[in-house]
Amino acid sequence: MSYRIYIDSILEPIVALWYLEEASWCLEEESDSGHSKGLRSNLVLRWKMDYRISLELTALYRQFFNYR
């Protein structure tokens, strides 16, 4: 899945709605490179940063990479 498809098919229509609820949550993703645990220039990482989704355990909106 490309970065753009991931944003357009999952992040925008689903995860963005969670953000609007203003409740704490955690986005679990497999370790696919499209989910962006690396480069800051990545579109997915920038999208997550705009929505304040963080790897920090104390963050209101968290992400978790499942490496299995």
C-alpha atoms as a PDB file:
ATOM      1  CA  MET A   1       0.000   0.000   0.000  1.00  0.00           C
ATOM      2  CA  SER A   2       1.445   3.384  -0.920  1.00  0.00           C
ATOM      3  CA  TYR A   3       1.699   6.283   1.526  1.00  0.00           C
ATOM      4  CA  ARG A   4      -1.016   8.209  -0.294  1.00  0.00           C
ATOM      5  CA  ILE A   5      -3.433   5.257  -0.334  1.00  0.00           C
ATOM      6  CA  TYR A   6      -2.847   4.653   3.389  1.00  0.00           C
ATOM      7  CA  ILE A   7      -3.648   8.289   4.156  1.00  0.00           C
ATOM      8  CA  ASP A   8      -6.670   8.459   1.820  1.00  0.00           C
ATOM      9  CA  SER A   9      -8.131   5.045   2.716  1.00  0.00           C
ATOM     10  CA  ILE A  10      -7.410   4.700   6.435  1.00  0.00           C
ATOM     11  CA  LEU A  11      -5.984   7.752   8.155  1.00  0.00           C
ATOM     12  CA  GLU A  12      -8.293  10.452   6.781  1.00  0.00           C
ATOM     13  CA  PRO A  13     -11.643   8.609   6.770  1.00  0.00           C
ATOM     14  CA  ILE A  14     -11.129   6.592   9.981  1.00  0.00           C
ATOM     15  CA  VAL A  15      -8.343   7.821  12.263  1.00  0.00           C
ATOM     16  CA  ALA A  16      -9.122  11.510  11.728  1.00  0.00           C
ATOM     17  CA  LEU A  17     -12.612  10.838  13.116  1.00  0.00           C
ATOM     18  CA  TRP A  18     -11.091   9.397  16.302  1.00  0.00           C
ATOM     19  CA  TYR A  19      -9.154  12.630  16.702  1.00  0.00           C
ATOM     20  CA  LEU A  20     -12.387  14.638  16.593  1.00  0.00           C
ATOM     21  CA  GLU A  21     -13.780  12.661  19.543  1.00  0.00           C
ATOM     22  CA  GLU A  22     -11.105  14.193  21.807  1.00  0.00           C
ATOM     23  CA  ALA A  23     -10.625  10.946  23.751  1.00  0.00           C
ATOM     24  CA  SER A  24      -7.359   9.168  24.354  1.00  0.00           C
ATOM     25  CA  TRP A  25      -6.590   6.299  21.942  1.00  0.00           C
ATOM     26  CA  CYS A  26      -3.755   4.244  20.462  1.00  0.00           C
ATOM     27  CA  LEU A  27      -3.302   3.419  16.772  1.00  0.00           C
ATOM     28  CA  GLU A  28      -1.730  -0.031  16.403  1.00  0.00           C
ATOM     29  CA  GLU A  29       0.039  -0.738  13.123  1.00  0.00           C
ATOM     30  CA  GLU A  30       2.172  -3.566  11.835  1.00  0.00           C
ATOM     31  CA  SER A  31       5.769  -2.713  11.002  1.00  0.00           C
ATOM     32  CA  ASP A  32       5.059  -1.970   7.320  1.00  0.00           C
ATOM     33  CA  SER A  33       7.345   0.768   6.034  1.00  0.00           C
ATOM     34  CA  GLY A  34       4.307   2.715   4.785  1.00  0.00           C
ATOM     35  CA  HIS A  35       3.293   3.404   8.363  1.00  0.00           C
ATOM     36  CA  SER A  36       6.346   5.554   8.766  1.00  0.00           C
ATOM     37  CA  LYS A  37       8.465   4.835  11.764  1.00  0.00           C
ATOM     38  CA  GLY A  38      11.453   6.330   9.977  1.00  0.00           C
ATOM     39  CA  LEU A  39      12.017   9.346   7.772  1.00  0.00           C
ATOM     40  CA  ARG A  40      10.533  12.723   8.690  1.00  0.00           C
ATOM     41  CA  SER A  41       9.960  13.551   5.034  1.00  0.00           C
ATOM     42  CA  ASN A  42       7.434  10.719   4.811  1.00  0.00           C
ATOM     43  CA  LEU A  43       3.839  11.828   4.081  1.00  0.00           C
ATOM     44  CA  VAL A  44       2.371   9.458   6.676  1.00  0.00           C
ATOM     45  CA  LEU A  45       4.678  10.697   9.418  1.00  0.00           C
ATOM     46  CA  ARG A  46       3.844  14.303   8.586  1.00  0.00           C
ATOM     47  CA  TRP A  47       0.136  13.471   8.681  1.00  0.00           C
ATOM     48  CA  LYS A  48       0.550  11.879  12.124  1.00  0.00           C
ATOM     49  CA  MET A  49       2.554  14.852  13.377  1.00  0.00           C
ATOM     50  CA  ASP A  50      -0.200  17.226  12.194  1.00  0.00           C
ATOM     51  CA  TYR A  51      -2.710  15.207  14.234  1.00  0.00           C
ATOM     52  CA  ARG A  52      -0.333  15.031  17.219  1.00  0.00           C
ATOM     53  CA  ILE A  53      -0.098  11.226  17.076  1.00  0.00           C
ATOM     54  CA  SER A  54       3.011  10.170  18.964  1.00  0.00           C
ATOM     55  CA  LEU A  55       5.041   7.156  20.054  1.00  0.00           C
ATOM     56  CA  GLU A  56       5.306   8.689  23.547  1.00  0.00           C
ATOM     57  CA  LEU A  57       3.569   6.605  26.211  1.00  0.00           C
ATOM     58  CA  THR A  58       2.052   9.680  27.844  1.00  0.00           C
ATOM     59  CA  ALA A  59       0.610  11.147  24.624  1.00  0.00           C
ATOM     60  CA  LEU A  60      -3.150  11.600  24.314  1.00  0.00           C
ATOM     61  CA  TYR A  61      -3.063  10.187  20.768  1.00  0.00           C
ATOM     62  CA  ARG A  62      -0.591   7.330  20.537  1.00  0.00           C
ATOM     63  CA  GLN A  63       0.714   4.962  17.916  1.00  0.00           C
ATOM     64  CA  PHE A  64       2.174   1.534  18.489  1.00  0.00           C
ATOM     65  CA  PHE A  65       4.075  -0.644  16.040  1.00  0.00           C
ATOM     66  CA  ASN A  66       3.353  -4.369  16.346  1.00  0.00           C
ATOM     67  CA  TYR A  67       6.542  -6.077  15.169  1.00  0.00           C
ATOM     68  CA  ARG A  68       5.177  -9.616  14.991  1.00  0.00           C
END
